[in-house]
């Protein structure tokens, strides 16, 4: 059995937006009792990740690392049609990934105590981001 849901989020530029509660709400209302929630973002310049949700400095440090690994405006980039953050945003989406899968049972995500699901905006300006949540059970 499967269900599919669509969500949209407005981001405010580079940074992480916790979407755990939004995914949990879908799971709570599911007709599937036990299964996997597959969360997929339909864009190439943002990403999804499961990371610590208790200490915001973790997300700050992740952003600092992404700045080191994929800096804006690198002179070697050829893809810069949409500005200095263009290629960097695509590279960062490879670092975070475009999907996560989380088991669920009895209407609850089976994530750890300190885990949260995050949408990482990799552009410097805000965008409307679409997410597809597929529940398989």
N, C-alpha and C. Protein backbone atom coordinates (compact mmCIF):
# COMPACT_ATOMS: atom_id res chain seq x y z
N UNK A 1 0.84 -1.18 0.00
CA UNK A 1 0.00 0.00 0.00
C UNK A 1 0.89 1.24 0.00
N UNK A 2 0.44 2.30 -0.66
CA UNK A 2 1.23 3.52 -0.74
C UNK A 2 0.31 4.74 -0.73
N UNK A 3 0.86 5.83 -0.25
CA UNK A 3 0.20 7.14 -0.28
C UNK A 3 1.24 8.16 -0.70
N UNK A 4 0.77 9.23 -1.33
CA UNK A 4 1.72 10.29 -1.70
C UNK A 4 1.12 11.64 -1.35
N UNK A 5 1.98 12.51 -0.80
CA UNK A 5 1.58 13.85 -0.37
C UNK A 5 2.58 14.86 -0.91
N UNK A 6 2.11 16.08 -1.12
CA UNK A 6 2.97 17.16 -1.61
C UNK A 6 2.95 18.30 -0.60
N UNK A 7 4.12 18.83 -0.33
CA UNK A 7 4.28 19.97 0.57
C UNK A 7 5.06 21.06 -0.16
N UNK A 8 4.87 22.30 0.26
CA UNK A 8 5.66 23.41 -0.28
C UNK A 8 6.11 24.28 0.88
N UNK A 9 7.34 24.75 0.77
CA UNK A 9 7.94 25.59 1.80
C UNK A 9 8.56 26.81 1.14
N UNK A 10 8.38 27.97 1.76
CA UNK A 10 9.07 29.18 1.34
C UNK A 10 10.30 29.34 2.21
N UNK A 11 11.46 29.37 1.58
CA UNK A 11 12.69 29.56 2.34
C UNK A 11 13.04 31.04 2.35
N UNK A 12 13.98 31.40 3.20
CA UNK A 12 14.37 32.80 3.33
C UNK A 12 15.84 32.99 2.98
N UNK A 13 16.34 32.15 2.11
CA UNK A 13 17.75 32.19 1.76
C UNK A 13 18.50 31.07 2.46
N UNK A 14 19.77 31.05 2.26
CA UNK A 14 20.63 29.98 2.73
C UNK A 14 20.39 29.66 4.21
N UNK A 15 20.25 28.35 4.48
CA UNK A 15 20.05 27.90 5.85
C UNK A 15 19.15 26.68 5.89
N UNK A 16 18.90 26.20 7.10
CA UNK A 16 18.13 24.98 7.31
C UNK A 16 16.76 25.29 7.89
N UNK A 17 15.74 24.60 7.37
CA UNK A 17 14.38 24.73 7.85
C UNK A 17 13.96 23.35 8.34
N UNK A 18 13.61 23.24 9.62
CA UNK A 18 13.18 21.93 10.11
C UNK A 18 11.77 21.61 9.61
N UNK A 19 11.62 20.44 9.00
CA UNK A 19 10.33 20.02 8.45
C UNK A 19 9.83 18.74 9.12
N UNK A 20 10.46 18.35 10.23
CA UNK A 20 10.08 17.12 10.93
C UNK A 20 8.60 17.09 11.26
N UNK A 21 8.07 18.16 11.84
CA UNK A 21 6.66 18.19 12.25
C UNK A 21 5.72 18.04 11.06
N UNK A 22 6.10 18.60 9.92
CA UNK A 22 5.27 18.49 8.72
C UNK A 22 5.20 17.04 8.23
N UNK A 23 6.35 16.36 8.26
CA UNK A 23 6.38 14.96 7.84
C UNK A 23 5.65 14.10 8.86
N UNK A 24 5.85 14.39 10.15
CA UNK A 24 5.17 13.64 11.22
C UNK A 24 3.66 13.76 11.11
N UNK A 25 3.17 14.93 10.73
CA UNK A 25 1.72 15.12 10.57
C UNK A 25 1.16 14.23 9.46
N UNK A 26 1.91 14.11 8.39
CA UNK A 26 1.48 13.22 7.30
C UNK A 26 1.44 11.78 7.78
N UNK A 27 2.46 11.37 8.51
CA UNK A 27 2.52 10.00 9.02
C UNK A 27 1.38 9.73 10.01
N UNK A 28 1.07 10.70 10.87
CA UNK A 28 -0.02 10.53 11.84
C UNK A 28 -1.36 10.28 11.16
N UNK A 29 -1.57 10.91 10.02
CA UNK A 29 -2.86 10.78 9.33
C UNK A 29 -2.87 9.66 8.28
N UNK A 30 -1.79 8.90 8.21
CA UNK A 30 -1.65 7.88 7.16
C UNK A 30 -2.60 6.70 7.38
N UNK A 31 -2.97 6.09 6.26
CA UNK A 31 -3.74 4.85 6.32
C UNK A 31 -2.82 3.64 6.40
N UNK A 32 -1.54 3.87 6.22
CA UNK A 32 -0.53 2.81 6.32
C UNK A 32 -0.05 2.76 7.77
N UNK A 33 -0.02 1.57 8.38
CA UNK A 33 0.38 1.44 9.79
C UNK A 33 1.89 1.41 9.99
N UNK A 34 2.59 0.64 9.17
CA UNK A 34 4.03 0.46 9.30
C UNK A 34 4.64 0.60 7.92
N UNK A 35 5.76 1.32 7.85
CA UNK A 35 6.39 1.45 6.54
C UNK A 35 7.54 2.42 6.55
N UNK A 36 7.79 2.97 5.37
CA UNK A 36 8.87 3.93 5.14
C UNK A 36 8.27 5.21 4.58
N UNK A 37 8.69 6.33 5.14
CA UNK A 37 8.35 7.64 4.58
C UNK A 37 9.55 8.09 3.75
N UNK A 38 9.34 8.17 2.46
CA UNK A 38 10.40 8.65 1.56
C UNK A 38 10.09 10.11 1.27
N UNK A 39 11.05 10.99 1.59
CA UNK A 39 10.89 12.43 1.43
C UNK A 39 11.85 12.89 0.35
N UNK A 40 11.32 13.53 -0.69
CA UNK A 40 12.11 13.91 -1.86
C UNK A 40 11.87 15.37 -2.19
N UNK A 41 12.94 16.12 -2.45
CA UNK A 41 12.81 17.52 -2.84
C UNK A 41 12.98 17.63 -4.36
N UNK A 42 12.12 18.40 -5.00
CA UNK A 42 12.07 18.47 -6.46
C UNK A 42 12.91 19.62 -7.02
N UNK A 43 14.11 19.81 -6.49
CA UNK A 43 14.96 20.91 -6.92
C UNK A 43 16.42 20.48 -6.89
N UNK A 44 17.28 21.22 -7.61
CA UNK A 44 18.70 20.87 -7.68
C UNK A 44 19.60 21.85 -6.93
N UNK A 45 19.01 22.82 -6.25
CA UNK A 45 19.83 23.78 -5.52
C UNK A 45 19.43 23.90 -4.05
N UNK A 46 18.81 22.83 -3.54
CA UNK A 46 18.53 22.69 -2.12
C UNK A 46 18.63 21.20 -1.81
N UNK A 47 18.50 20.84 -0.57
CA UNK A 47 18.64 19.43 -0.23
C UNK A 47 17.93 19.08 1.06
N UNK A 48 17.98 17.79 1.38
CA UNK A 48 17.37 17.26 2.59
C UNK A 48 18.41 16.51 3.40
N UNK A 49 18.29 16.58 4.71
CA UNK A 49 19.20 15.83 5.57
C UNK A 49 18.53 15.57 6.91
N UNK A 50 18.95 14.50 7.53
CA UNK A 50 18.57 14.22 8.92
C UNK A 50 19.80 14.54 9.75
N UNK A 51 19.62 15.45 10.70
CA UNK A 51 20.73 15.84 11.57
C UNK A 51 20.20 16.23 12.93
N UNK A 52 21.09 16.60 13.80
CA UNK A 52 20.73 16.97 15.17
C UNK A 52 19.75 18.13 15.18
N UNK A 53 18.71 18.01 16.05
CA UNK A 53 17.73 19.08 16.16
C UNK A 53 17.74 19.76 17.52
N UNK A 54 18.67 19.40 18.40
CA UNK A 54 18.70 19.99 19.74
C UNK A 54 19.60 21.21 19.83
N UNK A 55 20.68 21.21 19.10
CA UNK A 55 21.67 22.29 19.20
C UNK A 55 21.84 22.95 17.84
N UNK A 56 21.38 24.18 17.72
CA UNK A 56 21.43 24.90 16.45
C UNK A 56 22.85 25.13 15.96
N UNK A 57 23.84 25.04 16.84
CA UNK A 57 25.22 25.24 16.40
C UNK A 57 25.66 24.14 15.44
N UNK A 58 25.01 22.97 15.49
CA UNK A 58 25.32 21.91 14.53
C UNK A 58 25.01 22.38 13.12
N UNK A 59 23.86 22.98 12.91
CA UNK A 59 23.49 23.46 11.58
C UNK A 59 24.35 24.65 11.15
N UNK A 60 24.73 25.48 12.09
CA UNK A 60 25.65 26.58 11.77
C UNK A 60 26.99 26.02 11.31
N UNK A 61 27.48 25.01 12.02
CA UNK A 61 28.76 24.40 11.65
C UNK A 61 28.66 23.67 10.31
N UNK A 62 27.54 23.03 10.04
CA UNK A 62 27.35 22.37 8.73
C UNK A 62 27.40 23.40 7.61
N UNK A 63 26.76 24.55 7.82
CA UNK A 63 26.79 25.61 6.81
C UNK A 63 28.22 26.11 6.61
N UNK A 64 28.97 26.25 7.69
CA UNK A 64 30.37 26.69 7.59
C UNK A 64 31.18 25.67 6.77
N UNK A 65 30.95 24.39 7.01
CA UNK A 65 31.66 23.36 6.24
C UNK A 65 31.27 23.40 4.77
N UNK A 66 29.98 23.59 4.49
CA UNK A 66 29.54 23.67 3.09
C UNK A 66 30.16 24.88 2.40
N UNK A 67 30.35 25.97 3.12
CA UNK A 67 31.01 27.15 2.54
C UNK A 67 32.45 26.81 2.16
N UNK A 68 33.10 25.99 2.95
CA UNK A 68 34.48 25.58 2.63
C UNK A 68 34.51 24.64 1.44
N UNK A 69 33.59 23.68 1.42
CA UNK A 69 33.60 22.64 0.39
C UNK A 69 33.05 23.12 -0.95
N UNK A 70 32.12 24.07 -0.91
CA UNK A 70 31.49 24.58 -2.13
C UNK A 70 31.29 26.09 -2.00
N UNK A 71 32.37 26.85 -2.13
CA UNK A 71 32.27 28.30 -1.94
C UNK A 71 31.56 28.99 -3.11
N UNK A 72 30.88 30.06 -2.81
CA UNK A 72 30.24 30.88 -3.85
C UNK A 72 31.31 31.54 -4.70
N UNK A 73 31.02 31.71 -5.99
CA UNK A 73 31.84 32.52 -6.88
C UNK A 73 33.24 32.01 -7.17
N UNK A 74 33.49 30.73 -7.02
CA UNK A 74 34.81 30.19 -7.32
C UNK A 74 35.15 30.48 -8.79
N UNK A 75 36.32 31.01 -9.06
CA UNK A 75 36.72 31.39 -10.41
C UNK A 75 36.77 30.20 -11.37
N UNK A 76 36.88 29.00 -10.86
CA UNK A 76 36.93 27.80 -11.70
C UNK A 76 35.55 27.33 -12.17
N UNK A 77 34.48 27.81 -11.54
CA UNK A 77 33.13 27.40 -11.94
C UNK A 77 32.82 27.91 -13.34
N UNK A 78 32.20 27.09 -14.14
CA UNK A 78 31.70 27.51 -15.46
C UNK A 78 30.20 27.80 -15.41
N UNK A 79 29.50 27.12 -14.52
CA UNK A 79 28.04 27.27 -14.41
C UNK A 79 27.74 28.38 -13.40
N UNK A 80 27.42 29.57 -13.92
CA UNK A 80 27.11 30.70 -13.04
C UNK A 80 26.01 31.57 -13.64
N UNK A 81 25.14 30.94 -14.42
CA UNK A 81 24.08 31.68 -15.11
C UNK A 81 23.18 32.47 -14.17
N UNK A 82 22.98 31.95 -12.96
CA UNK A 82 22.06 32.61 -12.02
C UNK A 82 22.80 33.29 -10.87
N UNK A 83 24.09 33.54 -11.03
CA UNK A 83 24.83 34.28 -10.01
C UNK A 83 25.92 33.46 -9.35
N UNK A 84 26.62 34.11 -8.41
CA UNK A 84 27.75 33.50 -7.73
C UNK A 84 27.39 32.26 -6.93
N UNK A 85 26.13 32.15 -6.49
CA UNK A 85 25.74 30.99 -5.69
C UNK A 85 25.23 29.83 -6.54
N UNK A 86 25.20 29.98 -7.85
CA UNK A 86 24.58 28.98 -8.74
C UNK A 86 25.26 27.62 -8.64
N UNK A 87 26.50 27.51 -9.01
CA UNK A 87 27.20 26.22 -8.98
C UNK A 87 27.39 25.73 -7.56
N UNK A 88 27.68 26.63 -6.64
CA UNK A 88 27.85 26.25 -5.24
C UNK A 88 26.58 25.58 -4.71
N UNK A 89 25.40 26.11 -5.07
CA UNK A 89 24.14 25.54 -4.60
C UNK A 89 23.95 24.13 -5.15
N UNK A 90 24.30 23.91 -6.41
CA UNK A 90 24.18 22.56 -6.99
C UNK A 90 25.13 21.59 -6.30
N UNK A 91 26.35 22.02 -6.03
CA UNK A 91 27.32 21.16 -5.35
C UNK A 91 26.85 20.84 -3.94
N UNK A 92 26.32 21.83 -3.26
CA UNK A 92 25.84 21.61 -1.89
C UNK A 92 24.66 20.64 -1.86
N UNK A 93 23.84 20.65 -2.90
CA UNK A 93 22.71 19.70 -2.92
C UNK A 93 23.22 18.27 -3.04
N UNK A 94 24.39 18.09 -3.66
CA UNK A 94 24.99 16.75 -3.69
C UNK A 94 25.47 16.35 -2.30
N UNK A 95 25.94 17.32 -1.52
CA UNK A 95 26.41 17.03 -0.17
C UNK A 95 25.26 16.65 0.76
N UNK A 96 24.14 17.35 0.66
CA UNK A 96 23.00 17.04 1.53
C UNK A 96 22.14 15.93 0.97
N UNK A 97 22.06 15.83 -0.33
CA UNK A 97 21.19 14.83 -0.95
C UNK A 97 19.82 15.42 -1.25
N UNK A 98 19.07 14.71 -2.07
CA UNK A 98 17.74 15.18 -2.44
C UNK A 98 16.62 14.36 -1.81
N UNK A 99 16.98 13.36 -1.00
CA UNK A 99 15.93 12.57 -0.35
C UNK A 99 16.44 11.96 0.95
N UNK A 100 15.49 11.65 1.81
CA UNK A 100 15.75 10.87 3.02
C UNK A 100 14.61 9.88 3.16
N UNK A 101 14.88 8.76 3.80
CA UNK A 101 13.86 7.76 4.09
C UNK A 101 13.86 7.50 5.58
N UNK A 102 12.66 7.48 6.16
CA UNK A 102 12.51 7.31 7.60
C UNK A 102 11.44 6.24 7.85
N UNK A 103 11.75 5.23 8.67
CA UNK A 103 10.72 4.25 9.01
C UNK A 103 9.66 4.90 9.92
N UNK A 104 8.45 4.36 9.86
CA UNK A 104 7.40 4.81 10.75
C UNK A 104 6.57 3.61 11.19
N UNK A 105 5.92 3.74 12.33
CA UNK A 105 5.04 2.70 12.85
C UNK A 105 4.00 3.36 13.76
N UNK A 106 2.77 2.88 13.68
CA UNK A 106 1.69 3.35 14.55
C UNK A 106 1.56 4.87 14.58
N UNK A 107 1.70 5.48 13.41
CA UNK A 107 1.52 6.92 13.30
C UNK A 107 2.68 7.77 13.76
N UNK A 108 3.86 7.16 14.00
CA UNK A 108 5.00 7.92 14.49
C UNK A 108 6.25 7.64 13.67
N UNK A 109 6.99 8.72 13.37
CA UNK A 109 8.30 8.56 12.75
C UNK A 109 9.22 7.85 13.74
N UNK A 110 10.05 6.97 13.25
CA UNK A 110 10.96 6.23 14.12
C UNK A 110 12.35 6.85 14.11
N UNK A 111 12.40 8.18 14.26
CA UNK A 111 13.69 8.88 14.31
C UNK A 111 14.19 8.90 15.75
N UNK A 112 15.49 9.16 15.88
CA UNK A 112 16.08 9.23 17.20
C UNK A 112 15.69 10.49 17.95
N UNK A 113 15.95 10.48 19.24
CA UNK A 113 15.58 11.57 20.13
C UNK A 113 16.10 12.92 19.64
N UNK A 114 17.32 12.96 19.14
CA UNK A 114 17.94 14.22 18.76
C UNK A 114 17.99 14.42 17.25
N UNK A 115 17.20 13.66 16.51
CA UNK A 115 17.20 13.79 15.06
C UNK A 115 16.05 14.65 14.58
N UNK A 116 16.31 15.40 13.52
CA UNK A 116 15.27 16.17 12.85
C UNK A 116 15.49 16.09 11.35
N UNK A 117 14.42 16.28 10.59
CA UNK A 117 14.49 16.29 9.13
C UNK A 117 14.53 17.75 8.70
N UNK A 118 15.52 18.09 7.87
CA UNK A 118 15.74 19.48 7.48
C UNK A 118 15.78 19.65 5.98
N UNK A 119 15.16 20.75 5.54
CA UNK A 119 15.30 21.24 4.18
C UNK A 119 16.41 22.29 4.23
N UNK A 120 17.48 22.05 3.49
CA UNK A 120 18.59 22.98 3.42
C UNK A 120 18.49 23.81 2.16
N UNK A 121 18.26 25.11 2.31
CA UNK A 121 18.28 26.02 1.18
C UNK A 121 19.73 26.38 0.91
N UNK A 122 20.18 26.14 -0.33
CA UNK A 122 21.57 26.42 -0.68
C UNK A 122 21.74 27.70 -1.49
N UNK A 123 20.65 28.35 -1.86
CA UNK A 123 20.72 29.64 -2.55
C UNK A 123 20.77 30.76 -1.52
N UNK A 124 21.33 31.89 -1.90
CA UNK A 124 21.41 33.01 -0.97
C UNK A 124 20.08 33.74 -0.84
N UNK A 125 19.18 33.56 -1.79
CA UNK A 125 17.85 34.18 -1.73
C UNK A 125 16.81 33.09 -1.52
N UNK A 126 15.69 33.47 -0.96
CA UNK A 126 14.61 32.54 -0.69
C UNK A 126 13.95 32.02 -1.95
N UNK A 127 13.39 30.83 -1.85
CA UNK A 127 12.67 30.20 -2.96
C UNK A 127 11.49 29.40 -2.41
N UNK A 128 10.57 29.08 -3.27
CA UNK A 128 9.47 28.16 -2.92
C UNK A 128 9.95 26.76 -3.31
N UNK A 129 9.97 25.85 -2.34
CA UNK A 129 10.51 24.51 -2.53
C UNK A 129 9.40 23.48 -2.38
N UNK A 130 9.36 22.55 -3.33
CA UNK A 130 8.33 21.50 -3.33
C UNK A 130 8.94 20.18 -2.87
N UNK A 131 8.20 19.51 -2.01
CA UNK A 131 8.63 18.22 -1.47
C UNK A 131 7.53 17.20 -1.71
N UNK A 132 7.94 16.00 -2.09
CA UNK A 132 7.02 14.87 -2.27
C UNK A 132 7.30 13.88 -1.15
N UNK A 133 6.26 13.49 -0.43
CA UNK A 133 6.38 12.50 0.63
C UNK A 133 5.59 11.27 0.20
N UNK A 134 6.29 10.16 0.07
CA UNK A 134 5.65 8.91 -0.32
C UNK A 134 5.73 7.95 0.85
N UNK A 135 4.59 7.46 1.28
CA UNK A 135 4.53 6.48 2.36
C UNK A 135 4.32 5.10 1.75
N UNK A 136 5.24 4.22 2.04
CA UNK A 136 5.16 2.85 1.52
C UNK A 136 5.02 1.89 2.70
N UNK A 137 4.08 1.00 2.62
CA UNK A 137 3.91 0.07 3.73
C UNK A 137 3.23 -1.20 3.30
